Amino acid sequence: MQHILGISREQISFTCLEDFIPTHHEVRFIDAFVDSIDLIKLGFQVQALKKEGRPSFHSTVFLKLYLYGYLNGIRSSRKLEKEAIRNIELQWLLHGITPNYHSISDFRKDNPNALRSLFKLFVSFLKNEELVCGELIAIDGTKVRANNSKKANFSQRKIDRHIEYIDNKVSEYLKELEEADANDNRTKVTNVEAKIAKLKERKIDYELLERKLQESDDTQISTTDPDARALLVQGVVVEISHNMQAAVDSKHNLVVATHTINRNDRNALADIALEAKKNLEIETYTALVDKGYHNGRQIQQCTDANITTIVAQQEIVNSNEKGTTPEYMVTKFVYNKTEDTYSCPQGEVLKTTGTWHEKNQMANYIIASNNIQH
């Protein structure tokens, strides 16, 4: 049986890009959507035409490329540049224009607010087309690991530890310097002096980091990705990450609100819930979230904004091997507001000593608890 033969590479054919894109292809929607909006009103930086110099790309080129990359999971500027050259869908969408990765990156960097406004406009479009109902919205977050390593993330305690280590090493080198100087060992003196000078330079770097940390009024500072923080990813695993929040409508599972934060889910519910309400321009809806969002203060903010929340209650984790018997669960302890005491199931009174303790379960994750006595 004969194999299927392909077309000869030397065969000349008459065709155009339009023939390769089906009528209902997604790139046609991107093309029509971008061409129908006013980029200036949305806040995009549109390059003005110049009489001299090399002509610039129109902002619609970058926006169409950005939306195509978002739709197909291509976020890298270098990968988008490569796709614009070899991808026939992008050749049709961009009319054969192939911008370089630096220009693509600059477009995203220079238009963050405009891109957010575009997202809100798109959500309004989905609402007008009745593709979202705005009645039940699920909210969740995912941790995205940053390029910042743990070594390049600093807290005040970590900076103090480094400075203390440098001071101790300098003291050791000074003693060696005295001994070498007493023995007239010029070679060793020179080596030790160089080590001391290097340590002093490192100390200056840590002192500058400490100043930036104090000026930021934050508990952490990252040198590679300034917005990244040490976040609890799973169990007791901590990674330098971003926390991407998303609100998804129940009708067709379409995203109606999204933003990136640098804290855990416990304090993230109200912001993303209110953003979803604002984008959809609705009076009320029901938010469905998991137990990681169980926070009374955040739930109250949603209630005040007329948002009904369905949140799974967090489980009580026992630290002892056998676990706590049902008779001694937290719900069995009675609080006396007048005397500021608790009564245990046996009738004994628990009083606070008034002392607060800090327990570090992970880097920069502090839990304060009252010390109680029987």
Protein backbone atom coordinates (compact mmCIF):
# COMPACT_ATOMS: atom_id res chain seq x y z
CA MET A 1 0.00 0.00 0.00
CA GLN A 2 1.32 3.39 -0.93
CA HIS A 3 1.98 6.02 1.79
CA ILE A 4 0.16 9.36 1.80
CA LEU A 5 2.28 11.88 -0.03
CA GLY A 6 2.61 15.54 0.96
CA ILE A 7 2.76 18.61 -1.24
CA SER A 8 6.03 19.33 -2.96
CA ARG A 9 7.92 22.18 -1.31
CA GLU A 10 8.65 23.63 -4.75
CA GLN A 11 4.96 23.72 -5.70
CA ILE A 12 3.74 27.29 -6.29
CA SER A 13 0.25 28.06 -4.96
CA PHE A 14 -1.98 31.12 -4.82
CA THR A 15 -3.45 31.61 -1.34
CA CYS A 16 -3.87 34.21 1.43
CA LEU A 17 -3.90 34.22 5.26
CA GLU A 18 -7.68 34.60 5.26
CA ASP A 19 -8.04 31.08 3.86
CA PHE A 20 -6.30 29.53 6.87
CA ILE A 21 -8.55 30.99 9.60
CA PRO A 22 -12.01 29.38 10.05
CA THR A 23 -15.06 31.64 10.20
CA HIS A 24 -15.74 31.06 13.91
CA HIS A 25 -12.13 31.04 15.09
CA GLU A 26 -11.33 32.80 18.39
CA VAL A 27 -8.77 35.14 16.81
CA ARG A 28 -11.56 36.74 14.79
CA PHE A 29 -13.28 37.68 18.04
CA ILE A 30 -10.06 39.18 19.43
CA ASP A 31 -9.62 41.18 16.24
CA ALA A 32 -13.19 42.51 16.26
CA PHE A 33 -13.19 43.23 20.01
CA VAL A 34 -9.96 45.28 19.98
CA ASP A 35 -10.95 47.19 16.83
CA SER A 36 -14.27 48.19 18.42
CA ILE A 37 -12.89 49.84 21.59
CA ASP A 38 -11.37 53.26 22.18
CA LEU A 39 -7.88 52.64 23.58
CA ILE A 40 -7.37 56.27 24.62
CA LYS A 41 -10.54 56.31 26.76
CA LEU A 42 -9.35 53.14 28.50
CA GLY A 43 -6.04 54.82 29.31
CA PHE A 44 -3.67 53.06 26.87
CA GLN A 45 -0.57 54.92 25.77
CA VAL A 46 -1.08 55.30 22.01
CA GLN A 47 2.02 56.34 20.08
CA ALA A 48 1.53 59.53 18.07
CA LEU A 49 2.55 59.62 14.42
CA LYS A 50 5.91 61.26 13.77
CA LYS A 51 7.19 62.94 10.63
CA GLU A 52 10.75 61.76 11.20
CA GLY A 53 12.35 58.59 12.48
CA ARG A 54 11.23 55.00 12.30
CA PRO A 55 7.43 54.44 12.41
CA SER A 56 6.09 52.89 15.62
CA PHE A 57 3.69 49.98 16.10
CA HIS A 58 0.09 50.85 16.89
CA SER A 59 -1.04 49.86 20.39
CA THR A 60 -3.75 47.61 18.92
CA VAL A 61 -1.00 45.29 17.67
CA PHE A 62 0.33 44.72 21.17
CA LEU A 63 -3.14 44.44 22.71
CA LYS A 64 -4.22 41.78 20.22
CA LEU A 65 -0.98 39.89 20.85
CA TYR A 66 -1.43 40.21 24.62
CA LEU A 67 -5.01 38.87 24.52
CA TYR A 68 -4.01 36.00 22.25
CA GLY A 69 -1.21 35.05 24.64
CA TYR A 70 -3.56 35.26 27.62
CA LEU A 71 -6.12 33.05 25.88
CA ASN A 72 -3.51 30.43 24.98
CA GLY A 73 -1.45 30.51 28.17
CA ILE A 74 1.57 32.29 26.65
CA ARG A 75 2.81 34.99 29.03
CA SER A 76 6.51 35.25 28.17
CA SER A 77 7.41 38.21 25.94
CA ARG A 78 10.10 36.17 24.19
CA LYS A 79 7.66 33.33 23.48
CA LEU A 80 5.10 35.79 22.13
CA GLU A 81 7.75 37.21 19.79
CA LYS A 82 8.53 33.70 18.54
CA GLU A 83 4.85 32.85 18.10
CA ALA A 84 4.26 36.04 16.08
CA ILE A 85 6.84 34.79 13.58
CA ARG A 86 5.83 31.13 13.21
CA ASN A 87 2.14 31.06 14.23
CA ILE A 88 -0.19 31.47 11.27
CA GLU A 89 -3.06 32.59 13.56
CA LEU A 90 -0.95 35.49 14.84
CA GLN A 91 0.24 36.27 11.32
CA TRP A 92 -3.42 36.76 10.39
CA LEU A 93 -4.25 38.67 13.59
CA LEU A 94 -1.26 41.04 13.40
CA HIS A 95 -1.20 41.38 9.59
CA GLY A 96 2.27 39.84 9.50
CA ILE A 97 3.77 42.31 12.01
CA THR A 98 6.41 40.76 14.31
CA PRO A 99 7.28 43.08 17.25
CA ASN A 100 10.29 42.21 19.38
CA TYR A 101 10.03 40.94 22.95
CA HIS A 102 11.28 44.20 24.47
CA SER A 103 8.45 46.22 22.91
CA ILE A 104 5.92 43.58 24.03
CA SER A 105 7.24 43.74 27.59
CA ASP A 106 7.17 47.56 27.60
CA PHE A 107 3.52 47.56 26.50
CA ARG A 108 2.49 45.47 29.52
CA LYS A 109 4.69 47.47 31.86
CA ASP A 110 3.41 50.86 30.66
CA ASN A 111 -0.32 50.03 30.64
CA PRO A 112 -1.25 48.14 33.86
CA ASN A 113 -4.23 50.37 34.74
CA ALA A 114 -5.51 50.35 31.16
CA LEU A 115 -5.39 46.54 31.06
CA ARG A 116 -7.44 46.41 34.26
CA SER A 117 -9.97 48.80 32.73
CA LEU A 118 -10.11 46.58 29.64
CA PHE A 119 -10.89 43.57 31.83
CA LYS A 120 -13.78 45.43 33.47
CA LEU A 121 -15.08 46.41 30.02
CA PHE A 122 -14.92 42.77 28.94
CA VAL A 123 -16.87 41.68 32.04
CA SER A 124 -19.53 44.26 31.13
CA PHE A 125 -19.63 42.77 27.64
CA LEU A 126 -20.14 39.28 29.10
CA LYS A 127 -22.97 40.61 31.25
CA ASN A 128 -24.68 42.33 28.32
CA GLU A 129 -24.48 39.11 26.32
CA GLU A 130 -26.00 37.22 29.31
CA LEU A 131 -22.96 34.97 29.57
CA VAL A 132 -22.74 35.62 33.33
CA CYS A 133 -25.61 35.65 35.81
CA GLY A 134 -23.97 37.34 38.82
CA GLU A 135 -25.94 35.26 41.33
CA LEU A 136 -23.44 32.64 42.56
CA ILE A 137 -19.68 33.34 42.34
CA ALA A 138 -16.89 31.04 43.50
CA ILE A 139 -13.72 32.66 44.85
CA ASP A 140 -10.35 30.99 45.25
CA GLY A 141 -6.67 31.75 45.10
CA THR A 142 -3.54 30.02 43.86
CA LYS A 143 0.06 30.57 44.91
CA VAL A 144 2.45 31.36 42.06
CA ARG A 145 6.09 30.95 42.94
CA ALA A 146 8.15 34.07 42.29
CA ASN A 147 11.65 34.27 40.82
CA ASN A 148 12.76 35.58 44.21
CA SER A 149 14.61 32.89 46.19
CA LYS A 150 14.26 32.45 49.95
CA LYS A 151 17.80 33.77 50.36
CA ALA A 152 16.74 37.04 48.72
CA ASN A 153 13.77 37.52 51.06
CA PHE A 154 14.48 39.28 54.34
CA SER A 155 12.68 39.99 57.59
CA GLN A 156 13.98 42.13 60.44
CA ARG A 157 15.00 39.01 62.35
CA LYS A 158 16.90 37.62 59.36
CA ILE A 159 18.70 40.94 58.80
CA ASP A 160 19.64 41.10 62.50
CA ARG A 161 21.00 37.55 62.29
CA HIS A 162 23.19 38.41 59.30
CA ILE A 163 24.50 41.60 60.91
CA GLU A 164 25.26 39.73 64.14
CA TYR A 165 27.18 37.09 62.19
CA ILE A 166 29.21 39.78 60.41
CA ASP A 167 30.03 41.55 63.69
CA ASN A 168 31.21 38.27 65.22
CA LYS A 169 33.37 37.45 62.21
CA VAL A 170 34.88 40.93 62.22
CA SER A 171 35.77 40.49 65.91
CA GLU A 172 37.47 37.17 65.12
CA TYR A 173 39.41 38.71 62.24
CA LEU A 174 40.52 41.64 64.39
CA LYS A 175 42.05 39.20 66.89
CA GLU A 176 43.82 37.40 64.03
CA LEU A 177 44.98 40.78 62.77
CA GLU A 178 46.52 41.64 66.13
CA GLU A 179 48.33 38.30 66.27
CA ALA A 180 49.59 38.60 62.70
CA ASP A 181 50.72 42.17 63.32
CA ALA A 182 52.56 41.10 66.49
CA ASN A 183 54.36 38.35 64.54
CA ASP A 184 55.06 40.78 61.69
CA ASN A 185 53.29 38.51 59.20
CA ARG A 186 52.49 41.07 56.48
CA THR A 187 50.93 38.54 54.09
CA LYS A 188 48.39 37.39 56.66
CA VAL A 189 47.71 40.98 57.71
CA THR A 190 46.84 41.91 54.12
CA ASN A 191 44.52 38.90 53.72
CA VAL A 192 42.69 39.57 56.98
CA GLU A 193 42.28 43.27 56.18
CA ALA A 194 40.72 42.35 52.82
CA LYS A 195 38.27 39.98 54.56
CA ILE A 196 37.29 42.66 57.08
CA ALA A 197 36.72 45.22 54.30
CA LYS A 198 34.49 42.74 52.42
CA LEU A 199 32.43 42.03 55.55
CA LYS A 200 31.95 45.75 56.18
CA GLU A 201 30.62 46.18 52.63
CA ARG A 202 28.15 43.34 53.22
CA LYS A 203 27.06 44.95 56.48
CA ILE A 204 26.32 48.20 54.66
CA ASP A 205 24.12 46.27 52.22
CA TYR A 206 22.14 44.72 55.08
CA GLU A 207 21.79 48.10 56.80
CA LEU A 208 20.37 49.56 53.57
CA LEU A 209 17.91 46.64 53.40
CA GLU A 210 16.94 47.30 57.01
CA ARG A 211 16.25 50.96 56.22
CA LYS A 212 14.07 50.02 53.22
CA LEU A 213 12.18 47.51 55.35
CA GLN A 214 11.48 50.10 58.05
CA GLU A 215 10.37 52.69 55.49
CA SER A 216 7.99 50.20 53.84
CA ASP A 217 6.07 49.48 57.08
CA ASP A 218 6.06 45.82 56.05
CA THR A 219 7.39 42.69 57.74
CA GLN A 220 9.31 41.43 54.70
CA ILE A 221 11.35 42.73 51.81
CA SER A 222 12.30 40.86 48.61
CA THR A 223 15.19 42.02 46.46
CA THR A 224 14.37 40.26 43.14
CA ASP A 225 10.55 40.48 43.11
CA PRO A 226 9.69 43.41 45.42
CA ASP A 227 6.00 42.40 45.63
CA ALA A 228 6.66 38.73 46.48
CA ARG A 229 6.33 37.49 50.05
CA ALA A 230 6.94 34.31 52.04
CA LEU A 231 3.54 32.61 51.91
CA LEU A 232 2.26 29.35 53.33
CA VAL A 233 1.73 27.19 50.24
CA GLN A 234 0.72 23.83 51.67
CA GLY A 235 0.89 22.41 55.17
CA VAL A 236 4.03 23.97 56.65
CA VAL A 237 5.72 24.58 53.27
CA VAL A 238 6.63 28.24 52.73
CA GLU A 239 7.61 29.66 49.36
CA ILE A 240 8.34 33.19 48.10
CA SER A 241 5.17 33.63 46.07
CA HIS A 242 2.35 35.77 44.75
CA ASN A 243 -1.25 34.90 45.60
CA MET A 244 -3.52 35.19 42.53
CA GLN A 245 -7.19 35.62 43.44
CA ALA A 246 -10.02 34.90 41.00
CA ALA A 247 -13.82 35.15 41.16
CA VAL A 248 -15.66 32.84 38.73
CA ASP A 249 -19.32 33.12 37.77
CA SER A 250 -21.34 29.89 38.01
CA LYS A 251 -23.20 30.13 34.67
CA HIS A 252 -20.34 29.42 32.24
CA ASN A 253 -17.34 29.40 34.64
CA LEU A 254 -16.10 32.77 33.37
CA VAL A 255 -13.74 34.93 35.44
CA VAL A 256 -15.38 38.19 36.54
CA ALA A 257 -12.71 39.54 38.90
CA THR A 258 -9.04 38.90 39.48
CA HIS A 259 -6.08 40.47 41.22
CA THR A 260 -2.73 39.50 42.71
CA ILE A 261 -1.85 39.98 46.38
CA ASN A 262 1.11 39.11 48.60
CA ARG A 263 -0.75 37.73 51.62
CA ASN A 264 -2.62 34.52 52.40
CA ASP A 265 -6.29 33.81 51.67
CA ARG A 266 -7.38 34.44 55.25
CA ASN A 267 -7.35 38.22 54.73
CA ALA A 268 -8.26 38.29 51.04
CA LEU A 269 -12.00 37.61 50.84
CA ALA A 270 -13.47 41.11 51.12
CA ASP A 271 -11.30 42.73 48.43
CA ILE A 272 -11.93 40.18 45.69
CA ALA A 273 -15.64 39.87 46.61
CA LEU A 274 -16.15 43.64 46.41
CA GLU A 275 -14.19 43.80 43.14
CA ALA A 276 -16.48 41.17 41.59
CA LYS A 277 -19.54 43.13 42.72
CA LYS A 278 -18.14 46.35 41.26
CA ASN A 279 -17.19 44.77 37.92
CA LEU A 280 -20.65 43.22 37.48
CA GLU A 281 -22.44 46.33 38.79
CA ILE A 282 -24.87 44.26 40.87
CA GLU A 283 -26.49 44.90 44.25
CA THR A 284 -25.99 41.48 45.81
CA TYR A 285 -24.80 37.94 45.12
CA THR A 286 -23.69 34.79 46.94
CA ALA A 287 -19.97 34.09 47.30
CA LEU A 288 -18.78 30.50 47.68
CA VAL A 289 -15.32 30.02 49.23
CA ASP A 290 -13.34 27.32 51.02
CA LYS A 291 -12.27 27.19 54.66
CA GLY A 292 -9.03 29.06 53.97
CA TYR A 293 -11.11 32.27 53.81
CA HIS A 294 -12.81 31.73 57.17
CA ASN A 295 -12.24 35.09 58.85
CA GLY A 296 -14.96 36.83 60.85
CA ARG A 297 -13.79 40.34 60.01
CA GLN A 298 -13.64 39.62 56.27
CA ILE A 299 -17.05 37.92 56.29
CA GLN A 300 -18.55 40.91 58.13
CA GLN A 301 -17.22 43.29 55.45
CA CYS A 302 -18.96 41.16 52.80
CA THR A 303 -22.17 41.18 54.83
CA ASP A 304 -22.02 44.98 55.13
CA ALA A 305 -21.68 45.14 51.32
CA ASN A 306 -24.82 42.99 50.92
CA ILE A 307 -22.82 39.93 49.81
CA THR A 308 -23.93 36.56 51.18
CA THR A 309 -20.96 34.30 51.92
CA ILE A 310 -20.96 30.52 52.16
CA VAL A 311 -17.70 29.60 53.90
CA ALA A 312 -16.61 26.21 55.19
CA GLN A 313 -15.69 26.41 58.87
CA GLN A 314 -12.10 25.59 59.72
CA GLU A 315 -11.41 22.31 61.46
CA ILE A 316 -9.94 22.32 64.96
CA VAL A 317 -6.44 20.85 64.76
CA ASN A 318 -5.22 18.98 67.85
CA SER A 319 -1.58 19.19 68.79
CA ASN A 320 -1.56 16.08 71.01
CA GLU A 321 -1.38 12.55 69.62
CA LYS A 322 -4.62 11.23 71.13
CA GLY A 323 -6.62 14.36 70.33
CA THR A 324 -9.08 16.33 72.41
CA THR A 325 -12.12 14.54 73.79
CA PRO A 326 -15.50 15.94 72.69
CA GLU A 327 -16.20 17.18 76.25
CA TYR A 328 -13.22 19.56 76.05
CA MET A 329 -13.76 21.10 72.62
CA VAL A 330 -13.65 24.90 72.38
CA THR A 331 -17.41 25.12 72.13
CA LYS A 332 -17.75 23.60 75.64
CA PHE A 333 -15.91 26.50 77.31
CA VAL A 334 -18.14 29.32 78.56
CA TYR A 335 -16.94 32.94 78.47
CA ASN A 336 -17.81 35.36 81.28
CA LYS A 337 -17.63 38.85 79.77
CA THR A 338 -17.92 40.68 83.11
CA GLU A 339 -14.94 38.93 84.73
CA ASP A 340 -13.08 38.23 81.44
CA THR A 341 -12.73 34.53 82.27
CA TYR A 342 -13.60 31.14 80.80
CA SER A 343 -15.24 28.22 82.60
CA CYS A 344 -14.16 24.72 81.57
CA PRO A 345 -16.58 21.72 81.43
CA GLN A 346 -15.55 20.76 85.00
CA GLY A 347 -16.55 24.17 86.33
CA GLU A 348 -13.00 25.46 86.88
CA VAL A 349 -12.26 29.10 86.02
CA LEU A 350 -9.53 30.02 83.56
CA LYS A 351 -7.96 33.46 84.06
CA THR A 352 -5.52 35.30 81.85
CA THR A 353 -2.14 36.44 83.18
CA GLY A 354 -2.26 39.42 80.81
CA THR A 355 0.96 38.33 79.09
CA TRP A 356 1.14 37.97 75.29
CA HIS A 357 3.48 35.46 73.69
CA GLU A 358 4.75 35.26 70.11
CA LYS A 359 5.02 31.81 68.54
CA ASN A 360 6.86 31.51 65.23
CA GLN A 361 5.50 28.65 63.16
CA MET A 362 7.25 29.85 60.00
CA ALA A 363 9.31 32.77 58.81
CA ASN A 364 7.49 36.05 59.51
CA TYR A 365 4.26 34.26 60.38
CA ILE A 366 3.43 35.29 63.94
CA ILE A 367 0.54 34.06 66.03
CA ALA A 368 -0.13 35.82 69.31
CA SER A 369 -2.03 34.00 72.01
CA ASN A 370 -3.05 34.71 75.61
CA ASN A 371 -1.40 32.64 78.31
CA ILE A 372 -4.15 31.17 80.52
CA GLN A 373 -3.84 29.49 83.88
CA HIS A 374 -6.09 27.09 85.77
